[in-house]
């Protein structure tokens, strides 16, 4: 299996895992920083901006390091980045948007 097919298969598995999680109860309440990062990630994915993905990824890592986002929140965001990096921009944007929508629904 060539690396491109492997990447596509990995993206499909990640997307399926995210979608199955979302089909249940959605995302729980997230930190303000995670909400901010989700908005930025949604924008990048919606614009299909491969150039800006590494910037968001670095912000996620910095936020994990300084404790402004939790490990599970970082995993969700990094999973979305992986989906986008594999070219499934629509699923990535939908997942980021779902984080945002789930927060609004809680207010």
N, C-alpha and C. Protein backbone atom coordinates (compact mmCIF):
# COMPACT_ATOMS: atom_id res chain seq x y z
N UNK A 1 0.86 -1.17 0.00
CA UNK A 1 0.00 0.00 0.00
C UNK A 1 0.91 1.23 0.00
N UNK A 2 0.72 2.12 -0.98
CA UNK A 2 1.58 3.29 -1.00
C UNK A 2 1.21 4.27 0.10
N UNK A 3 2.09 5.22 0.36
CA UNK A 3 1.88 6.11 1.51
C UNK A 3 0.65 6.99 1.35
N UNK A 4 0.32 7.38 0.14
CA UNK A 4 -0.87 8.21 -0.08
C UNK A 4 -2.14 7.44 0.27
N UNK A 5 -2.22 6.19 -0.14
CA UNK A 5 -3.37 5.36 0.20
C UNK A 5 -3.44 5.13 1.71
N UNK A 6 -2.27 4.93 2.33
CA UNK A 6 -2.22 4.75 3.77
C UNK A 6 -2.74 6.00 4.48
N UNK A 7 -2.32 7.17 4.02
CA UNK A 7 -2.78 8.44 4.61
C UNK A 7 -4.29 8.59 4.44
N UNK A 8 -4.80 8.25 3.28
CA UNK A 8 -6.24 8.37 3.06
C UNK A 8 -7.01 7.41 3.95
N UNK A 9 -6.49 6.20 4.11
CA UNK A 9 -7.15 5.23 4.98
C UNK A 9 -7.11 5.70 6.43
N UNK A 10 -5.98 6.25 6.85
CA UNK A 10 -5.86 6.76 8.22
C UNK A 10 -6.83 7.92 8.43
N UNK A 11 -6.95 8.80 7.45
CA UNK A 11 -7.88 9.92 7.56
C UNK A 11 -9.32 9.43 7.66
N UNK A 12 -9.64 8.42 6.88
CA UNK A 12 -11.00 7.87 6.93
C UNK A 12 -11.30 7.26 8.29
N UNK A 13 -10.32 6.58 8.86
CA UNK A 13 -10.51 5.98 10.18
C UNK A 13 -10.70 7.06 11.24
N UNK A 14 -9.87 8.10 11.19
CA UNK A 14 -9.99 9.20 12.15
C UNK A 14 -11.34 9.89 11.99
N UNK A 15 -11.73 10.15 10.75
CA UNK A 15 -13.01 10.81 10.50
C UNK A 15 -14.16 9.95 11.01
N UNK A 16 -14.09 8.65 10.78
CA UNK A 16 -15.15 7.76 11.26
C UNK A 16 -15.22 7.76 12.78
N UNK A 17 -14.06 7.77 13.42
CA UNK A 17 -14.03 7.80 14.89
C UNK A 17 -14.63 9.10 15.42
N UNK A 18 -14.26 10.22 14.79
CA UNK A 18 -14.82 11.50 15.21
C UNK A 18 -16.32 11.55 14.98
N UNK A 19 -16.75 11.08 13.82
CA UNK A 19 -18.18 11.13 13.51
C UNK A 19 -18.98 10.21 14.41
N UNK A 20 -18.41 9.06 14.77
CA UNK A 20 -19.14 8.17 15.66
C UNK A 20 -19.25 8.78 17.05
N UNK A 21 -18.22 9.49 17.48
CA UNK A 21 -18.27 10.19 18.76
C UNK A 21 -19.34 11.28 18.70
N UNK A 22 -19.37 11.98 17.60
CA UNK A 22 -20.30 13.09 17.45
C UNK A 22 -21.75 12.62 17.30
N UNK A 23 -21.92 11.44 16.78
CA UNK A 23 -23.28 10.92 16.60
C UNK A 23 -23.96 10.69 17.94
N UNK A 24 -23.15 10.46 18.96
CA UNK A 24 -23.69 10.24 20.31
C UNK A 24 -24.08 11.57 20.93
N UNK A 25 -23.30 12.01 21.86
CA UNK A 25 -23.67 13.20 22.62
C UNK A 25 -22.88 14.43 22.23
N UNK A 26 -21.98 14.35 21.29
CA UNK A 26 -21.21 15.49 20.87
C UNK A 26 -20.07 15.79 21.81
N UNK A 27 -19.52 16.97 21.66
CA UNK A 27 -18.39 17.39 22.47
C UNK A 27 -18.88 17.99 23.78
N UNK A 28 -18.17 17.71 24.87
CA UNK A 28 -18.52 18.36 26.14
C UNK A 28 -18.03 19.81 26.13
N UNK A 29 -18.31 20.50 27.19
CA UNK A 29 -17.86 21.89 27.31
C UNK A 29 -16.34 21.93 27.22
N UNK A 30 -15.82 22.89 26.47
CA UNK A 30 -14.38 23.03 26.29
C UNK A 30 -13.90 24.34 26.89
N UNK A 31 -12.60 24.45 27.04
CA UNK A 31 -12.00 25.67 27.59
C UNK A 31 -12.16 26.82 26.59
N UNK A 32 -12.08 28.06 27.09
CA UNK A 32 -12.14 29.20 26.17
C UNK A 32 -11.05 29.14 25.09
N UNK A 33 -9.86 28.66 25.44
CA UNK A 33 -8.77 28.56 24.47
C UNK A 33 -9.09 27.53 23.39
N UNK A 34 -9.69 26.41 23.78
CA UNK A 34 -10.08 25.39 22.80
C UNK A 34 -11.14 25.95 21.86
N UNK A 35 -12.07 26.72 22.41
CA UNK A 35 -13.09 27.35 21.56
C UNK A 35 -12.43 28.27 20.54
N UNK A 36 -11.48 29.07 20.99
CA UNK A 36 -10.75 29.99 20.11
C UNK A 36 -9.99 29.22 19.03
N UNK A 37 -9.30 28.16 19.43
CA UNK A 37 -8.56 27.34 18.47
C UNK A 37 -9.50 26.64 17.49
N UNK A 38 -10.66 26.22 17.96
CA UNK A 38 -11.65 25.58 17.08
C UNK A 38 -12.14 26.55 16.02
N UNK A 39 -12.34 27.81 16.41
CA UNK A 39 -12.76 28.82 15.42
C UNK A 39 -11.68 29.01 14.36
N UNK A 40 -10.44 29.11 14.81
CA UNK A 40 -9.33 29.28 13.86
C UNK A 40 -9.20 28.06 12.97
N UNK A 41 -9.33 26.88 13.55
CA UNK A 41 -9.22 25.64 12.77
C UNK A 41 -10.36 25.52 11.77
N UNK A 42 -11.56 25.89 12.18
CA UNK A 42 -12.70 25.87 11.26
C UNK A 42 -12.42 26.79 10.06
N UNK A 43 -11.91 27.98 10.34
CA UNK A 43 -11.62 28.94 9.28
C UNK A 43 -10.58 28.38 8.30
N UNK A 44 -9.50 27.82 8.85
CA UNK A 44 -8.44 27.26 8.01
C UNK A 44 -8.98 26.12 7.16
N UNK A 45 -9.78 25.24 7.76
CA UNK A 45 -10.32 24.10 7.02
C UNK A 45 -11.35 24.55 5.98
N UNK A 46 -12.16 25.51 6.34
CA UNK A 46 -13.16 26.02 5.41
C UNK A 46 -12.50 26.65 4.19
N UNK A 47 -11.35 27.28 4.41
CA UNK A 47 -10.61 27.92 3.31
C UNK A 47 -9.63 26.97 2.62
N UNK A 48 -9.54 25.74 3.15
CA UNK A 48 -8.61 24.74 2.62
C UNK A 48 -7.18 25.29 2.55
N UNK A 49 -6.76 25.90 3.65
CA UNK A 49 -5.47 26.56 3.71
C UNK A 49 -4.41 25.65 4.33
N UNK A 50 -3.78 24.84 3.48
CA UNK A 50 -2.73 23.93 3.95
C UNK A 50 -1.55 24.70 4.54
N UNK A 51 -1.35 25.92 4.10
CA UNK A 51 -0.24 26.73 4.60
C UNK A 51 -0.44 27.13 6.06
N UNK A 52 -1.69 27.30 6.48
CA UNK A 52 -1.97 27.76 7.84
C UNK A 52 -2.16 26.62 8.84
N UNK A 53 -2.31 25.39 8.37
CA UNK A 53 -2.47 24.26 9.30
C UNK A 53 -1.30 24.12 10.28
N UNK A 54 -0.04 24.25 9.83
CA UNK A 54 1.06 24.13 10.79
C UNK A 54 1.03 25.21 11.88
N UNK A 55 0.52 26.38 11.56
CA UNK A 55 0.42 27.45 12.55
C UNK A 55 -0.58 27.06 13.63
N UNK A 56 -1.74 26.53 13.22
CA UNK A 56 -2.74 26.09 14.18
C UNK A 56 -2.20 24.93 15.01
N UNK A 57 -1.51 24.01 14.35
CA UNK A 57 -0.93 22.88 15.05
C UNK A 57 0.05 23.34 16.13
N UNK A 58 0.86 24.31 15.81
CA UNK A 58 1.81 24.86 16.79
C UNK A 58 1.09 25.53 17.95
N UNK A 59 0.02 26.27 17.64
CA UNK A 59 -0.77 26.90 18.71
C UNK A 59 -1.39 25.86 19.64
N UNK A 60 -1.83 24.75 19.07
CA UNK A 60 -2.39 23.66 19.87
C UNK A 60 -1.31 23.10 20.80
N UNK A 61 -0.13 22.84 20.25
CA UNK A 61 0.96 22.30 21.06
C UNK A 61 1.36 23.27 22.18
N UNK A 62 1.43 24.56 21.86
CA UNK A 62 1.76 25.57 22.87
C UNK A 62 0.69 25.61 23.96
N UNK A 63 -0.56 25.49 23.57
CA UNK A 63 -1.67 25.53 24.52
C UNK A 63 -1.68 24.29 25.42
N UNK A 64 -1.31 23.16 24.86
CA UNK A 64 -1.17 21.95 25.68
C UNK A 64 -0.03 22.13 26.68
N UNK A 65 1.07 22.69 26.20
CA UNK A 65 2.25 22.86 27.06
C UNK A 65 1.99 23.82 28.22
N UNK A 66 1.22 24.88 27.96
CA UNK A 66 0.97 25.85 29.04
C UNK A 66 -0.28 25.54 29.84
N UNK A 67 -0.96 24.45 29.50
CA UNK A 67 -2.11 24.01 30.27
C UNK A 67 -3.41 24.75 30.00
N UNK A 68 -3.44 25.56 28.94
CA UNK A 68 -4.68 26.30 28.66
C UNK A 68 -5.73 25.44 27.95
N UNK A 69 -5.32 24.27 27.44
CA UNK A 69 -6.27 23.29 26.94
C UNK A 69 -5.92 21.94 27.53
N UNK A 70 -6.92 21.09 27.68
CA UNK A 70 -6.71 19.76 28.24
C UNK A 70 -6.23 18.78 27.18
N UNK A 71 -5.74 17.63 27.65
CA UNK A 71 -5.24 16.59 26.75
C UNK A 71 -6.32 16.11 25.77
N UNK A 72 -7.53 15.90 26.27
CA UNK A 72 -8.59 15.41 25.37
C UNK A 72 -8.94 16.47 24.33
N UNK A 73 -8.95 17.73 24.74
CA UNK A 73 -9.23 18.80 23.78
C UNK A 73 -8.13 18.88 22.73
N UNK A 74 -6.89 18.74 23.17
CA UNK A 74 -5.77 18.74 22.22
C UNK A 74 -5.87 17.59 21.24
N UNK A 75 -6.29 16.42 21.73
CA UNK A 75 -6.44 15.26 20.85
C UNK A 75 -7.52 15.51 19.80
N UNK A 76 -8.65 16.06 20.23
CA UNK A 76 -9.72 16.35 19.26
C UNK A 76 -9.22 17.29 18.17
N UNK A 77 -8.56 18.35 18.58
CA UNK A 77 -8.07 19.34 17.63
C UNK A 77 -7.00 18.74 16.72
N UNK A 78 -6.09 17.96 17.29
CA UNK A 78 -5.04 17.32 16.48
C UNK A 78 -5.63 16.29 15.52
N UNK A 79 -6.68 15.60 15.93
CA UNK A 79 -7.35 14.66 15.02
C UNK A 79 -7.96 15.41 13.83
N UNK A 80 -8.53 16.56 14.09
CA UNK A 80 -9.11 17.38 13.01
C UNK A 80 -8.00 17.84 12.07
N UNK A 81 -6.88 18.25 12.63
CA UNK A 81 -5.73 18.66 11.80
C UNK A 81 -5.30 17.50 10.90
N UNK A 82 -5.24 16.29 11.47
CA UNK A 82 -4.84 15.12 10.68
C UNK A 82 -5.80 14.87 9.53
N UNK A 83 -7.07 15.03 9.77
CA UNK A 83 -8.07 14.85 8.71
C UNK A 83 -7.83 15.87 7.60
N UNK A 84 -7.60 17.12 7.98
CA UNK A 84 -7.34 18.17 6.98
C UNK A 84 -6.05 17.91 6.22
N UNK A 85 -5.02 17.48 6.93
CA UNK A 85 -3.73 17.20 6.28
C UNK A 85 -3.86 16.09 5.25
N UNK A 86 -4.82 15.22 5.44
CA UNK A 86 -5.04 14.13 4.49
C UNK A 86 -6.01 14.51 3.38
N UNK A 87 -6.38 15.79 3.34
CA UNK A 87 -7.17 16.29 2.23
C UNK A 87 -8.67 16.25 2.39
N UNK A 88 -9.17 15.79 3.52
CA UNK A 88 -10.62 15.76 3.73
C UNK A 88 -11.04 17.03 4.46
N UNK A 89 -10.96 18.13 3.74
CA UNK A 89 -11.24 19.45 4.30
C UNK A 89 -12.66 19.57 4.82
N UNK A 90 -13.60 18.99 4.10
CA UNK A 90 -15.00 19.11 4.49
C UNK A 90 -15.27 18.44 5.84
N UNK A 91 -14.78 17.21 6.01
CA UNK A 91 -14.97 16.53 7.30
C UNK A 91 -14.26 17.27 8.43
N UNK A 92 -13.07 17.78 8.15
CA UNK A 92 -12.33 18.53 9.16
C UNK A 92 -13.10 19.79 9.56
N UNK A 93 -13.60 20.52 8.58
CA UNK A 93 -14.37 21.73 8.88
C UNK A 93 -15.63 21.39 9.66
N UNK A 94 -16.31 20.31 9.29
CA UNK A 94 -17.52 19.90 10.00
C UNK A 94 -17.22 19.54 11.46
N UNK A 95 -16.11 18.87 11.68
CA UNK A 95 -15.74 18.49 13.05
C UNK A 95 -15.41 19.71 13.90
N UNK A 96 -14.67 20.65 13.33
CA UNK A 96 -14.35 21.89 14.06
C UNK A 96 -15.63 22.68 14.34
N UNK A 97 -16.50 22.72 13.35
CA UNK A 97 -17.77 23.44 13.52
C UNK A 97 -18.63 22.78 14.60
N UNK A 98 -18.56 21.46 14.68
CA UNK A 98 -19.34 20.74 15.69
C UNK A 98 -18.89 21.10 17.10
N UNK A 99 -17.58 21.25 17.31
CA UNK A 99 -17.09 21.69 18.62
C UNK A 99 -17.74 23.03 18.98
N UNK A 100 -17.72 23.94 18.02
CA UNK A 100 -18.30 25.28 18.26
C UNK A 100 -19.79 25.20 18.53
N UNK A 101 -20.50 24.45 17.71
CA UNK A 101 -21.96 24.34 17.86
C UNK A 101 -22.33 23.71 19.19
N UNK A 102 -21.57 22.71 19.62
CA UNK A 102 -21.87 22.06 20.88
C UNK A 102 -21.69 22.99 22.07
N UNK A 103 -20.84 23.98 21.92
CA UNK A 103 -20.65 24.94 23.01
C UNK A 103 -21.82 25.91 23.09
N UNK A 104 -22.30 26.32 21.95
CA UNK A 104 -23.45 27.23 21.88
C UNK A 104 -24.69 26.55 22.44
N UNK A 105 -24.84 25.27 22.12
CA UNK A 105 -26.00 24.51 22.59
C UNK A 105 -26.04 24.39 24.11
N UNK A 106 -24.90 24.55 24.77
CA UNK A 106 -24.83 24.41 26.21
C UNK A 106 -25.17 25.69 26.98
N UNK A 107 -25.27 26.78 26.27
CA UNK A 107 -25.51 28.05 26.96
C UNK A 107 -26.97 28.27 27.26
